[in-house]
Amino acid sequence: MKTILIDSDVLIEVLRGRDRAVLKHWEELGSSDAVLLCSPVTVAEIWHGARPKEFAILDALFASLICVPIDLEIGRRAGEYLSRHHASHHVELGDALIAATAAVHGAALWTGNRKHYPMPEVEFF
């Protein structure tokens, strides 16, 4: 069984419905046995830009995912990623938390922004 952590940019594309490749993968995953995760960071990033008329759609979208809490292990690993990659790759806190969540849970990260994740421990979908 495959576990996939879905990044904000992918969920935004799913919501927009314009990128056929993203939508095809989304549909395939929906009918597979894959476990689909998201981070509270992703939830915050998407809700930040949401308008009230989009709230019901967002509720349905996030109900289809498992939101993994940020715990001590994820926080520590994210801090290590920031120490290693902030100066060289400009890694920010949100991306460090998402990368740490994927690594800790053994999930492949589905993102269109691979350059934000230079950590060798991160596997991509």
Protein backbone atom coordinates (compact mmCIF):
# COMPACT_ATOMS: atom_id res chain seq x y z
CA MET A 1 0.00 0.00 0.00
CA LYS A 2 1.39 3.38 -1.02
CA THR A 3 1.26 6.39 1.30
CA ILE A 4 1.33 9.84 -0.32
CA LEU A 5 1.54 13.26 1.30
CA ILE A 6 -0.07 15.84 -0.97
CA ASP A 7 1.40 19.34 -1.10
CA SER A 8 -0.59 22.56 -1.34
CA ASP A 9 0.24 23.25 -4.98
CA VAL A 10 -1.21 19.90 -6.06
CA LEU A 11 -4.43 20.39 -4.10
CA ILE A 12 -4.80 23.87 -5.60
CA GLU A 13 -4.51 22.33 -9.07
CA VAL A 14 -7.09 19.69 -8.14
CA LEU A 15 -9.46 22.45 -7.01
CA ARG A 16 -8.89 24.49 -10.19
CA GLY A 17 -9.44 21.45 -12.38
CA ARG A 18 -7.28 22.72 -15.25
CA ASP A 19 -4.22 20.46 -15.21
CA ARG A 20 -5.27 17.21 -16.86
CA ALA A 21 -2.20 15.29 -15.68
CA VAL A 22 -2.81 16.23 -12.05
CA LEU A 23 -6.50 15.37 -12.34
CA LYS A 24 -5.69 12.01 -13.91
CA HIS A 25 -3.33 11.12 -11.05
CA TRP A 26 -5.90 12.37 -8.52
CA GLU A 27 -8.61 10.14 -10.01
CA GLU A 28 -6.28 7.14 -10.14
CA LEU A 29 -5.30 7.62 -6.51
CA GLY A 30 -8.94 8.00 -5.50
CA SER A 31 -9.72 4.56 -6.86
CA SER A 32 -6.56 2.92 -5.50
CA ASP A 33 -5.66 1.64 -2.06
CA ALA A 34 -3.21 4.50 -1.53
CA VAL A 35 -3.35 6.34 1.78
CA LEU A 36 -3.60 10.07 1.07
CA LEU A 37 -2.21 12.43 3.69
CA CYS A 38 -1.95 16.17 4.11
CA SER A 39 -0.21 18.41 6.59
CA PRO A 40 -1.87 21.09 8.74
CA VAL A 41 0.55 23.44 6.96
CA THR A 42 -1.19 22.64 3.68
CA VAL A 43 -4.60 23.15 5.26
CA ALA A 44 -3.52 26.56 6.55
CA GLU A 45 -2.01 27.60 3.22
CA ILE A 46 -5.16 26.73 1.30
CA TRP A 47 -7.64 28.13 3.84
CA HIS A 48 -5.62 31.34 3.95
CA GLY A 49 -6.63 32.16 0.38
CA ALA A 50 -10.15 30.72 0.47
CA ARG A 51 -13.32 32.68 -0.08
CA PRO A 52 -16.53 31.81 1.78
CA LYS A 53 -18.14 30.32 -1.34
CA GLU A 54 -15.25 27.80 -1.46
CA PHE A 55 -15.56 26.59 2.14
CA ALA A 56 -17.87 23.63 1.40
CA ILE A 57 -15.60 22.39 -1.39
CA LEU A 58 -12.56 22.67 0.87
CA ASP A 59 -14.34 20.83 3.67
CA ALA A 60 -15.12 17.98 1.26
CA LEU A 61 -11.58 17.94 -0.10
CA PHE A 62 -9.93 17.76 3.30
CA ALA A 63 -12.46 15.16 4.48
CA SER A 64 -11.04 12.88 1.76
CA LEU A 65 -7.52 13.14 3.22
CA ILE A 66 -5.92 12.16 6.50
CA CYS A 67 -4.47 15.25 8.15
CA VAL A 68 -1.34 14.16 10.00
CA PRO A 69 -0.62 16.15 13.16
CA ILE A 70 2.69 17.91 13.63
CA ASP A 71 4.34 16.32 16.65
CA LEU A 72 7.66 16.50 18.44
CA GLU A 73 9.46 14.17 16.00
CA ILE A 74 8.24 16.12 12.97
CA GLY A 75 9.13 19.43 14.62
CA ARG A 76 12.62 18.25 15.45
CA ARG A 77 13.25 16.88 11.96
CA ALA A 78 11.91 20.09 10.40
CA GLY A 79 14.32 22.06 12.58
CA GLU A 80 17.18 19.88 11.36
CA TYR A 81 16.11 20.47 7.75
CA LEU A 82 16.06 24.22 8.33
CA SER A 83 19.53 24.10 9.88
CA ARG A 84 20.88 22.16 6.89
CA HIS A 85 19.01 23.74 3.98
CA HIS A 86 17.77 27.22 4.84
CA ALA A 87 20.90 29.13 3.86
CA SER A 88 21.74 27.05 0.78
CA HIS A 89 18.24 26.40 -0.61
CA HIS A 90 16.09 29.01 1.17
CA VAL A 91 13.92 26.30 2.71
CA GLU A 92 11.13 27.86 4.74
CA LEU A 93 9.39 26.54 7.85
CA GLY A 94 6.25 25.30 6.06
CA ASP A 95 8.24 23.28 3.54
CA ALA A 96 10.50 21.90 6.27
CA LEU A 97 7.43 20.74 8.22
CA ILE A 98 5.90 19.13 5.13
CA ALA A 99 9.17 17.37 4.25
CA ALA A 100 9.56 16.14 7.83
CA THR A 101 5.98 14.86 7.85
CA ALA A 102 6.59 12.88 4.66
CA ALA A 103 9.87 11.47 5.96
CA VAL A 104 8.55 10.51 9.40
CA HIS A 105 5.49 8.78 7.92
CA GLY A 106 7.35 7.09 5.07
CA ALA A 107 5.15 8.89 2.56
CA ALA A 108 6.04 9.92 -0.96
CA LEU A 109 5.55 13.65 -1.43
CA TRP A 110 3.38 14.74 -4.35
CA THR A 111 4.43 18.27 -5.20
CA GLY A 112 5.10 20.38 -8.25
CA ASN A 113 7.74 22.29 -6.31
CA ARG A 114 10.53 19.74 -5.89
CA LYS A 115 13.15 22.47 -5.59
CA HIS A 116 11.57 23.40 -2.23
CA TYR A 117 12.53 19.98 -0.90
CA PRO A 118 16.29 19.32 -1.27
CA MET A 119 16.29 16.86 1.62
CA PRO A 120 17.67 13.49 0.46
CA GLU A 121 15.20 11.68 2.75
CA VAL A 122 12.22 12.96 0.78
CA GLU A 123 10.83 10.53 -1.76
CA PHE A 124 8.65 12.01 -4.49
CA PHE A 125 5.46 10.68 -6.04
